[in-house]
N, C-alpha and C. Protein backbone atom coordinates (compact mmCIF):
# COMPACT_ATOMS: atom_id res chain seq x y z
N MET A 1 -13.55 34.46 16.00
CA MET A 1 -12.33 34.81 15.32
C MET A 1 -12.00 36.27 15.61
N PHE A 2 -12.88 37.15 15.22
CA PHE A 2 -12.68 38.56 15.54
C PHE A 2 -13.53 38.87 16.76
N ASP A 3 -13.04 39.74 17.56
CA ASP A 3 -13.79 40.13 18.76
C ASP A 3 -14.54 41.42 18.46
N ILE A 4 -15.58 41.30 17.61
CA ILE A 4 -16.35 42.47 17.20
C ILE A 4 -17.74 42.33 17.80
N GLY A 5 -18.16 43.34 18.47
CA GLY A 5 -19.48 43.33 19.08
C GLY A 5 -20.49 44.07 18.22
N PHE A 6 -21.71 44.18 18.76
CA PHE A 6 -22.79 44.83 18.02
C PHE A 6 -22.50 46.32 17.83
N ALA A 7 -21.91 46.94 18.82
CA ALA A 7 -21.64 48.38 18.75
C ALA A 7 -20.65 48.69 17.62
N GLU A 8 -19.61 47.89 17.50
CA GLU A 8 -18.63 48.11 16.43
C GLU A 8 -19.26 47.93 15.05
N ILE A 9 -20.12 46.91 14.91
CA ILE A 9 -20.78 46.68 13.62
C ILE A 9 -21.70 47.85 13.29
N LEU A 10 -22.40 48.40 14.27
CA LEU A 10 -23.29 49.54 14.06
C LEU A 10 -22.50 50.77 13.63
N ILE A 11 -21.35 51.02 14.26
CA ILE A 11 -20.51 52.18 13.90
C ILE A 11 -19.99 52.04 12.48
N VAL A 12 -19.51 50.82 12.09
CA VAL A 12 -19.00 50.58 10.73
C VAL A 12 -20.14 50.76 9.73
N SER A 13 -21.33 50.31 10.04
CA SER A 13 -22.49 50.46 9.14
C SER A 13 -22.85 51.93 8.93
N VAL A 14 -22.86 52.71 9.97
CA VAL A 14 -23.19 54.13 9.87
C VAL A 14 -22.13 54.86 9.04
N VAL A 15 -20.85 54.56 9.28
CA VAL A 15 -19.77 55.19 8.51
C VAL A 15 -19.88 54.79 7.04
N ALA A 16 -20.16 53.50 6.75
CA ALA A 16 -20.31 53.05 5.38
C ALA A 16 -21.48 53.73 4.71
N LEU A 17 -22.57 53.93 5.43
CA LEU A 17 -23.75 54.61 4.89
C LEU A 17 -23.41 56.06 4.55
N LEU A 18 -22.65 56.72 5.42
CA LEU A 18 -22.28 58.11 5.17
C LEU A 18 -21.29 58.23 4.01
N VAL A 19 -20.34 57.30 3.91
CA VAL A 19 -19.31 57.38 2.87
C VAL A 19 -19.88 56.98 1.51
N LEU A 20 -20.59 55.86 1.44
CA LEU A 20 -21.07 55.35 0.16
C LEU A 20 -22.41 55.93 -0.26
N GLY A 21 -23.22 56.24 0.68
CA GLY A 21 -24.55 56.74 0.36
C GLY A 21 -25.55 55.59 0.31
N PRO A 22 -26.82 55.93 0.41
CA PRO A 22 -27.86 54.90 0.47
C PRO A 22 -28.04 54.12 -0.83
N ASP A 23 -27.68 54.68 -1.98
CA ASP A 23 -27.89 53.95 -3.23
C ASP A 23 -26.74 52.98 -3.55
N LYS A 24 -25.51 53.25 -3.12
CA LYS A 24 -24.38 52.36 -3.39
C LYS A 24 -24.13 51.34 -2.25
N LEU A 25 -24.68 51.59 -1.09
CA LEU A 25 -24.44 50.70 0.07
C LEU A 25 -24.92 49.27 -0.18
N PRO A 26 -26.12 49.02 -0.71
CA PRO A 26 -26.54 47.64 -0.95
C PRO A 26 -25.63 46.90 -1.94
N ILE A 27 -25.16 47.59 -2.96
CA ILE A 27 -24.26 46.97 -3.93
C ILE A 27 -22.93 46.63 -3.26
N ALA A 28 -22.43 47.52 -2.42
CA ALA A 28 -21.16 47.27 -1.72
C ALA A 28 -21.30 46.10 -0.75
N VAL A 29 -22.42 46.01 -0.04
CA VAL A 29 -22.65 44.91 0.90
C VAL A 29 -22.74 43.59 0.13
N LYS A 30 -23.43 43.62 -1.02
CA LYS A 30 -23.56 42.42 -1.83
C LYS A 30 -22.18 41.96 -2.33
N THR A 31 -21.39 42.91 -2.82
CA THR A 31 -20.05 42.57 -3.31
C THR A 31 -19.18 42.04 -2.17
N CYS A 32 -19.26 42.67 -1.02
CA CYS A 32 -18.49 42.22 0.14
C CYS A 32 -18.93 40.81 0.55
N GLY A 33 -20.22 40.53 0.53
CA GLY A 33 -20.74 39.21 0.86
C GLY A 33 -20.26 38.16 -0.13
N MET A 34 -20.21 38.53 -1.43
CA MET A 34 -19.71 37.59 -2.44
C MET A 34 -18.24 37.25 -2.18
N TRP A 35 -17.45 38.26 -1.88
CA TRP A 35 -16.03 38.02 -1.63
C TRP A 35 -15.83 37.18 -0.38
N ILE A 36 -16.60 37.43 0.65
CA ILE A 36 -16.49 36.63 1.88
C ILE A 36 -16.90 35.19 1.60
N GLY A 37 -17.95 35.00 0.82
CA GLY A 37 -18.38 33.64 0.45
C GLY A 37 -17.31 32.90 -0.34
N ARG A 38 -16.69 33.60 -1.29
CA ARG A 38 -15.63 32.97 -2.08
C ARG A 38 -14.44 32.60 -1.20
N ILE A 39 -14.09 33.49 -0.29
CA ILE A 39 -12.96 33.20 0.61
C ILE A 39 -13.28 32.00 1.49
N LYS A 40 -14.52 31.94 2.01
CA LYS A 40 -14.91 30.80 2.85
C LYS A 40 -14.87 29.49 2.05
N ARG A 41 -15.38 29.52 0.82
CA ARG A 41 -15.35 28.31 -0.01
C ARG A 41 -13.92 27.88 -0.32
N SER A 42 -13.06 28.85 -0.59
CA SER A 42 -11.65 28.53 -0.88
C SER A 42 -10.98 27.91 0.34
N VAL A 43 -11.21 28.51 1.50
CA VAL A 43 -10.62 27.98 2.73
C VAL A 43 -11.15 26.58 3.02
N THR A 44 -12.44 26.37 2.82
CA THR A 44 -13.02 25.04 3.04
C THR A 44 -12.44 24.02 2.07
N ALA A 45 -12.28 24.41 0.81
CA ALA A 45 -11.71 23.50 -0.18
C ALA A 45 -10.26 23.15 0.17
N ILE A 46 -9.51 24.14 0.61
CA ILE A 46 -8.11 23.90 1.00
C ILE A 46 -8.05 22.97 2.22
N GLN A 47 -8.91 23.21 3.20
CA GLN A 47 -8.95 22.35 4.38
C GLN A 47 -9.32 20.92 3.99
N HIS A 48 -10.28 20.77 3.10
CA HIS A 48 -10.69 19.44 2.65
C HIS A 48 -9.55 18.75 1.91
N GLU A 49 -8.85 19.49 1.07
CA GLU A 49 -7.74 18.92 0.32
C GLU A 49 -6.61 18.49 1.25
N ILE A 50 -6.30 19.30 2.24
CA ILE A 50 -5.25 18.96 3.20
C ILE A 50 -5.64 17.73 4.00
N SER A 51 -6.88 17.68 4.47
CA SER A 51 -7.31 16.51 5.24
C SER A 51 -7.29 15.24 4.38
N GLU A 52 -7.64 15.37 3.10
CA GLU A 52 -7.60 14.22 2.19
C GLU A 52 -6.16 13.76 1.98
N GLU A 53 -5.23 14.69 1.82
CA GLU A 53 -3.82 14.34 1.67
C GLU A 53 -3.29 13.64 2.93
N LEU A 54 -3.69 14.13 4.08
CA LEU A 54 -3.27 13.50 5.34
C LEU A 54 -3.83 12.09 5.45
N ARG A 55 -5.08 11.91 5.02
CA ARG A 55 -5.69 10.59 5.06
C ARG A 55 -4.97 9.63 4.11
N VAL A 56 -4.64 10.12 2.93
CA VAL A 56 -3.93 9.29 1.96
C VAL A 56 -2.55 8.91 2.49
N GLU A 57 -1.87 9.87 3.10
CA GLU A 57 -0.54 9.59 3.67
C GLU A 57 -0.62 8.57 4.79
N GLU A 58 -1.64 8.67 5.61
CA GLU A 58 -1.84 7.69 6.69
C GLU A 58 -2.10 6.30 6.11
N LEU A 59 -2.90 6.24 5.05
CA LEU A 59 -3.16 4.95 4.39
C LEU A 59 -1.87 4.37 3.81
N ARG A 60 -1.02 5.23 3.25
CA ARG A 60 0.26 4.75 2.72
C ARG A 60 1.12 4.18 3.84
N ARG A 61 1.16 4.86 4.95
CA ARG A 61 1.96 4.37 6.08
C ARG A 61 1.45 3.02 6.57
N THR A 62 0.14 2.93 6.78
CA THR A 62 -0.40 1.67 7.28
C THR A 62 -0.24 0.55 6.25
N THR A 63 -0.34 0.90 4.96
CA THR A 63 -0.12 -0.10 3.92
C THR A 63 1.32 -0.58 3.92
N ALA A 64 2.25 0.35 4.09
CA ALA A 64 3.66 -0.03 4.12
C ALA A 64 3.96 -0.91 5.32
N ILE A 65 3.40 -0.58 6.47
CA ILE A 65 3.61 -1.38 7.68
C ILE A 65 3.02 -2.78 7.48
N THR A 66 1.81 -2.84 6.93
CA THR A 66 1.16 -4.13 6.69
C THR A 66 1.96 -4.94 5.68
N LYS A 67 2.48 -4.28 4.66
CA LYS A 67 3.28 -4.98 3.66
C LYS A 67 4.53 -5.58 4.28
N GLU A 68 5.20 -4.82 5.14
CA GLU A 68 6.39 -5.33 5.82
C GLU A 68 6.05 -6.54 6.68
N GLU A 69 4.95 -6.46 7.42
CA GLU A 69 4.54 -7.58 8.26
C GLU A 69 4.23 -8.81 7.42
N LEU A 70 3.55 -8.61 6.30
CA LEU A 70 3.22 -9.75 5.44
C LEU A 70 4.48 -10.35 4.80
N GLU A 71 5.43 -9.50 4.43
CA GLU A 71 6.68 -10.02 3.87
C GLU A 71 7.46 -10.83 4.90
N LYS A 72 7.48 -10.37 6.15
CA LYS A 72 8.15 -11.13 7.21
C LYS A 72 7.47 -12.49 7.40
N GLU A 73 6.14 -12.46 7.44
CA GLU A 73 5.38 -13.69 7.64
C GLU A 73 5.59 -14.64 6.46
N LEU A 74 5.63 -14.10 5.26
CA LEU A 74 5.84 -14.93 4.08
C LEU A 74 7.23 -15.55 4.09
N SER A 75 8.24 -14.78 4.48
CA SER A 75 9.60 -15.34 4.54
C SER A 75 9.70 -16.43 5.60
N GLU A 76 8.99 -16.26 6.72
CA GLU A 76 8.96 -17.30 7.74
C GLU A 76 8.25 -18.55 7.23
N MET A 77 7.22 -18.37 6.42
CA MET A 77 6.49 -19.51 5.89
C MET A 77 7.31 -20.24 4.82
N ARG A 78 8.19 -19.52 4.13
CA ARG A 78 9.00 -20.13 3.08
C ARG A 78 10.13 -20.98 3.64
N LYS A 79 10.58 -20.71 4.85
CA LYS A 79 11.72 -21.43 5.42
C LYS A 79 11.52 -22.95 5.43
N PRO A 80 10.39 -23.47 5.93
CA PRO A 80 10.23 -24.93 5.92
C PRO A 80 10.20 -25.50 4.50
N PHE A 81 9.61 -24.76 3.57
CA PHE A 81 9.56 -25.24 2.20
C PHE A 81 10.94 -25.25 1.57
N LYS A 82 11.76 -24.26 1.88
CA LYS A 82 13.12 -24.24 1.35
C LYS A 82 13.93 -25.40 1.92
N ALA A 83 13.75 -25.67 3.22
CA ALA A 83 14.46 -26.79 3.84
C ALA A 83 14.02 -28.11 3.20
N ALA A 84 12.73 -28.25 2.97
CA ALA A 84 12.22 -29.48 2.35
C ALA A 84 12.74 -29.60 0.92
N ALA A 85 12.83 -28.48 0.21
CA ALA A 85 13.35 -28.52 -1.16
C ALA A 85 14.81 -28.93 -1.16
N LYS A 86 15.58 -28.46 -0.19
CA LYS A 86 16.99 -28.86 -0.10
C LYS A 86 17.10 -30.35 0.20
N ASP A 87 16.25 -30.84 1.09
CA ASP A 87 16.26 -32.27 1.41
C ASP A 87 15.93 -33.10 0.17
N VAL A 88 14.93 -32.67 -0.59
CA VAL A 88 14.54 -33.40 -1.80
C VAL A 88 15.67 -33.35 -2.82
N GLU A 89 16.30 -32.19 -2.99
CA GLU A 89 17.41 -32.08 -3.92
C GLU A 89 18.55 -33.00 -3.51
N GLY A 90 18.84 -33.03 -2.22
CA GLY A 90 19.88 -33.93 -1.73
C GLY A 90 19.56 -35.39 -2.00
N ALA A 91 18.31 -35.77 -1.76
CA ALA A 91 17.89 -37.15 -2.01
C ALA A 91 17.96 -37.47 -3.49
N VAL A 92 17.55 -36.54 -4.34
CA VAL A 92 17.61 -36.76 -5.79
C VAL A 92 19.05 -36.89 -6.24
N ASN A 93 19.91 -36.01 -5.76
CA ASN A 93 21.33 -36.08 -6.13
C ASN A 93 21.95 -37.40 -5.67
N GLU A 94 21.61 -37.82 -4.47
CA GLU A 94 22.13 -39.09 -3.95
C GLU A 94 21.63 -40.26 -4.78
N ALA A 95 20.36 -40.21 -5.16
CA ALA A 95 19.79 -41.28 -5.98
C ALA A 95 20.44 -41.30 -7.35
N GLN A 96 20.72 -40.12 -7.90
CA GLN A 96 21.38 -40.06 -9.21
C GLN A 96 22.80 -40.62 -9.12
N LYS A 97 23.51 -40.29 -8.05
CA LYS A 97 24.86 -40.80 -7.87
C LYS A 97 24.84 -42.32 -7.72
N THR A 98 23.87 -42.82 -6.95
CA THR A 98 23.76 -44.26 -6.74
C THR A 98 23.42 -44.97 -8.04
N SER A 99 22.48 -44.43 -8.79
CA SER A 99 22.10 -45.07 -10.05
C SER A 99 23.23 -44.97 -11.07
N ALA A 100 23.98 -43.87 -11.04
CA ALA A 100 25.12 -43.74 -11.96
C ALA A 100 26.21 -44.73 -11.57
N ALA A 101 26.40 -44.93 -10.27
CA ALA A 101 27.42 -45.88 -9.82
C ALA A 101 27.02 -47.31 -10.17
N GLU A 102 25.75 -47.64 -10.04
CA GLU A 102 25.27 -48.97 -10.40
C GLU A 102 25.38 -49.22 -11.89
N ALA A 103 25.17 -48.19 -12.67
CA ALA A 103 25.23 -48.33 -14.12
C ALA A 103 26.66 -48.54 -14.59
N THR A 104 27.63 -48.01 -13.89
CA THR A 104 29.02 -48.14 -14.31
C THR A 104 29.68 -49.42 -13.81
N THR A 105 29.15 -50.08 -12.81
CA THR A 105 29.75 -51.33 -12.31
C THR A 105 29.35 -52.47 -13.23
N PRO A 106 30.32 -53.30 -13.62
CA PRO A 106 30.00 -54.42 -14.53
C PRO A 106 29.26 -55.51 -13.77
N THR A 107 28.35 -56.11 -14.45
CA THR A 107 27.61 -57.22 -13.86
C THR A 107 28.25 -58.52 -14.34
N THR A 108 28.35 -59.48 -13.45
CA THR A 108 28.98 -60.77 -13.79
C THR A 108 27.91 -61.85 -13.79
N GLU A 109 27.40 -62.10 -14.97
CA GLU A 109 26.42 -63.18 -15.11
C GLU A 109 27.11 -64.36 -15.78
N SER A 110 26.83 -65.52 -15.31
CA SER A 110 27.41 -66.71 -15.92
C SER A 110 26.55 -67.10 -17.10
N PRO A 111 27.16 -67.46 -18.16
CA PRO A 111 26.37 -67.88 -19.32
C PRO A 111 25.64 -69.17 -19.00
N LYS A 112 24.48 -69.29 -19.52
CA LYS A 112 23.66 -70.47 -19.25
C LYS A 112 24.12 -71.61 -20.17
N THR A 113 24.22 -72.70 -19.56
CA THR A 113 24.59 -73.89 -20.33
C THR A 113 23.34 -74.61 -20.76
N ASP A 114 23.52 -75.66 -21.57
CA ASP A 114 22.37 -76.40 -22.05
C ASP A 114 21.63 -77.09 -20.93
N SER A 115 22.36 -77.55 -19.93
CA SER A 115 21.70 -78.23 -18.82
C SER A 115 20.86 -77.25 -18.00
N ASP A 116 21.33 -75.98 -17.88
CA ASP A 116 20.56 -74.96 -17.15
C ASP A 116 19.30 -74.62 -17.92
N LYS A 117 19.38 -74.60 -19.23
CA LYS A 117 18.24 -74.22 -20.05
C LYS A 117 17.15 -75.28 -19.97
N SER A 118 17.57 -76.55 -19.90
CA SER A 118 16.60 -77.61 -19.89
C SER A 118 15.90 -77.69 -18.53
N SER A 119 16.52 -77.29 -17.48
CA SER A 119 15.88 -77.38 -16.18
C SER A 119 14.83 -76.31 -15.98
N THR A 120 14.89 -75.28 -16.72
CA THR A 120 13.88 -74.23 -16.57
C THR A 120 12.66 -74.42 -17.38
């Protein structure tokens, strides 16, 4: 990330030793290390959260695509059943019309006479 070599680190260490002194330098290094650790943990947490959001978004997309495919397949599967239901409805309606027509037509039965009754 940074292009810092050993010489630069040595120069910064010597300057820090001269500015802070030998008794405050370990505390300053410890504090600096804590801050760097916190920053690294924060960056890692943010990266993890972003990758998780991207994964969730990808799952949503694939779920939506799969849902669309399943809905298309389901509508294709319903077509024969709808056609069969229409055929059945048509047959039922025709049967109802036929039975209604038969019920309204008068029947002509001849009354049985005594001679017809005796033959049976």
